[in-house]
């Protein structure tokens, strides 16, 4: 059940095209996500407010978008497609880049947690805002590390 040379070349070319498109999508989505998070902290986050229905919808939207971004990241951009194409997209280089991105996301989350902990010594900070920062920072570091590594 091996592939002949032309099928292999065609699949490799298709895998490269899918990967380039996925990296472009990751860059655009990371930018949009960053703007949305900046808006959240500059406009929508008011510690004096009570939880409203729209806040719940906004939080569910954030979590849904984070799950979709992580799915895009983990799949390498090929959520659906032929098994051979997915195997080309999941080569050693892609796994190494993914591991590097996971490390960057993890350390970004650790740094944000430490800064949030230190900030509580002088300011009153809501736990939901710290959690939001940690999640957003981790996802952004993950995506941006992968995008920048692919562009090298």
Protein backbone atom coordinates (compact mmCIF):
# COMPACT_ATOMS: atom_id res chain seq x y z
CA UNK A 1 0.00 0.00 0.00
CA UNK A 2 2.90 2.34 -0.65
CA UNK A 3 2.65 5.44 -2.70
CA UNK A 4 4.35 5.82 -6.02
CA UNK A 5 6.65 8.77 -6.61
CA UNK A 6 4.10 11.09 -8.26
CA UNK A 7 1.48 10.45 -5.55
CA UNK A 8 4.08 11.18 -2.87
CA UNK A 9 5.18 14.41 -4.54
CA UNK A 10 1.58 15.51 -4.99
CA UNK A 11 0.79 14.77 -1.34
CA UNK A 12 3.93 16.60 -0.17
CA UNK A 13 3.02 19.65 -2.25
CA UNK A 14 -0.53 19.58 -0.93
CA UNK A 15 0.73 19.21 2.66
CA UNK A 16 3.03 22.21 2.24
CA UNK A 17 0.18 24.28 0.81
CA UNK A 18 -2.14 23.31 3.69
CA UNK A 19 0.60 24.09 6.22
CA UNK A 20 1.28 27.55 4.74
CA UNK A 21 -2.43 28.34 4.78
CA UNK A 22 -2.71 27.14 8.39
CA UNK A 23 0.20 29.35 9.47
CA UNK A 24 -1.42 32.37 7.78
CA UNK A 25 -4.69 31.58 9.57
CA UNK A 26 -2.86 31.23 12.89
CA UNK A 27 -1.21 34.63 12.41
CA UNK A 28 -4.51 36.33 11.54
CA UNK A 29 -6.41 34.61 14.35
CA UNK A 30 -3.68 35.47 16.87
CA UNK A 31 -3.90 39.13 15.85
CA UNK A 32 -7.67 39.20 16.13
CA UNK A 33 -7.50 37.35 19.44
CA UNK A 34 -4.96 39.86 20.77
CA UNK A 35 -7.18 42.81 19.81
CA UNK A 36 -10.20 41.14 21.41
CA UNK A 37 -8.30 40.55 24.65
CA UNK A 38 -7.05 44.14 24.72
CA UNK A 39 -10.64 45.33 24.29
CA UNK A 40 -11.74 43.06 27.12
CA UNK A 41 -9.30 44.61 29.59
CA UNK A 42 -9.61 48.19 28.36
CA UNK A 43 -13.38 48.36 27.86
CA UNK A 44 -15.35 45.40 29.17
CA UNK A 45 -13.66 44.48 32.44
CA UNK A 46 -15.26 46.47 35.25
CA UNK A 47 -14.64 45.02 38.72
CA UNK A 48 -17.67 46.81 40.18
CA UNK A 49 -20.20 45.13 37.92
CA UNK A 50 -22.29 42.12 38.79
CA UNK A 51 -22.27 39.16 36.44
CA UNK A 52 -24.76 39.74 33.66
CA UNK A 53 -26.03 37.34 31.01
CA UNK A 54 -23.88 39.05 28.40
CA UNK A 55 -20.79 38.36 30.54
CA UNK A 56 -21.58 34.67 30.54
CA UNK A 57 -22.00 34.71 26.74
CA UNK A 58 -18.71 36.58 26.35
CA UNK A 59 -16.92 34.05 28.57
CA UNK A 60 -18.38 31.10 26.66
CA UNK A 61 -17.33 32.80 23.42
CA UNK A 62 -13.79 33.22 24.72
CA UNK A 63 -13.58 29.58 25.73
CA UNK A 64 -15.03 28.41 22.41
CA UNK A 65 -12.51 30.50 20.51
CA UNK A 66 -9.63 29.22 22.65
CA UNK A 67 -10.73 25.64 22.00
CA UNK A 68 -10.94 26.33 18.26
CA UNK A 69 -7.48 27.96 18.23
CA UNK A 70 -6.00 25.06 20.15
CA UNK A 71 -7.67 22.63 17.76
CA UNK A 72 -6.17 24.50 14.82
CA UNK A 73 -2.77 24.40 16.51
CA UNK A 74 -2.87 20.72 17.44
CA UNK A 75 -4.17 19.58 14.06
CA UNK A 76 -1.64 21.63 12.14
CA UNK A 77 -4.45 23.06 10.05
CA UNK A 78 -5.73 19.75 8.69
CA UNK A 79 -8.81 19.00 10.76
CA UNK A 80 -10.21 17.03 7.95
CA UNK A 81 -8.38 15.50 5.08
CA UNK A 82 -6.72 12.39 3.92
CA UNK A 83 -4.72 10.31 6.37
CA UNK A 84 -1.61 10.56 4.19
CA UNK A 85 -1.84 14.34 4.15
CA UNK A 86 -2.13 14.46 7.93
CA UNK A 87 0.91 12.19 8.28
CA UNK A 88 2.97 14.58 6.14
CA UNK A 89 1.83 17.51 8.27
CA UNK A 90 2.85 15.69 11.45
CA UNK A 91 6.50 15.10 10.64
CA UNK A 92 9.43 15.45 13.06
CA UNK A 93 9.94 19.14 12.28
CA UNK A 94 6.29 19.93 12.95
CA UNK A 95 6.37 18.00 16.23
CA UNK A 96 9.55 19.86 17.30
CA UNK A 97 7.97 23.23 16.47
CA UNK A 98 4.82 22.25 18.32
CA UNK A 99 6.85 21.24 21.39
CA UNK A 100 8.72 24.57 21.27
CA UNK A 101 5.39 26.40 21.12
CA UNK A 102 3.99 24.41 24.04
CA UNK A 103 7.05 25.38 26.10
CA UNK A 104 6.63 29.05 25.23
CA UNK A 105 2.93 28.92 26.14
CA UNK A 106 3.66 27.17 29.42
CA UNK A 107 6.35 29.65 30.45
CA UNK A 108 4.19 32.60 29.45
CA UNK A 109 1.45 31.27 31.71
CA UNK A 110 3.92 30.80 34.59
CA UNK A 111 5.27 34.34 34.20
CA UNK A 112 1.76 35.83 34.08
CA UNK A 113 0.81 33.88 37.23
CA UNK A 114 3.90 35.16 39.04
CA UNK A 115 3.25 38.75 37.95
CA UNK A 116 -0.40 38.43 39.00
CA UNK A 117 0.67 37.09 42.39
CA UNK A 118 3.09 39.97 42.86
CA UNK A 119 0.51 42.52 41.73
CA UNK A 120 -1.92 41.31 44.42
CA UNK A 121 0.48 42.70 47.01
CA UNK A 122 -0.42 46.23 45.92
CA UNK A 123 -3.71 45.95 43.99
CA UNK A 124 -7.00 44.15 44.29
CA UNK A 125 -7.29 41.88 41.28
CA UNK A 126 -10.22 39.64 40.48
CA UNK A 127 -9.40 35.97 40.02
CA UNK A 128 -11.37 35.90 36.76
CA UNK A 129 -9.12 38.64 35.34
CA UNK A 130 -5.96 36.75 36.28
CA UNK A 131 -7.37 33.54 34.80
CA UNK A 132 -8.31 35.46 31.65
CA UNK A 133 -4.78 36.88 31.39
CA UNK A 134 -3.17 33.49 31.94
CA UNK A 135 -5.33 31.77 29.33
CA UNK A 136 -4.97 34.56 26.78
CA UNK A 137 -1.21 34.90 27.28
CA UNK A 138 -0.64 31.18 27.00
CA UNK A 139 -2.65 30.83 23.80
CA UNK A 140 -1.04 33.89 22.22
CA UNK A 141 2.47 32.70 23.09
CA UNK A 142 1.66 29.28 21.68
CA UNK A 143 0.34 30.62 18.38
CA UNK A 144 2.89 33.40 17.88
CA UNK A 145 5.83 31.10 18.65
CA UNK A 146 4.61 28.66 16.01
CA UNK A 147 3.98 31.38 13.43
CA UNK A 148 7.37 33.00 13.97
CA UNK A 149 9.16 29.64 13.94
CA UNK A 150 7.52 28.72 10.61
CA UNK A 151 8.55 32.02 9.07
CA UNK A 152 12.24 31.48 9.91
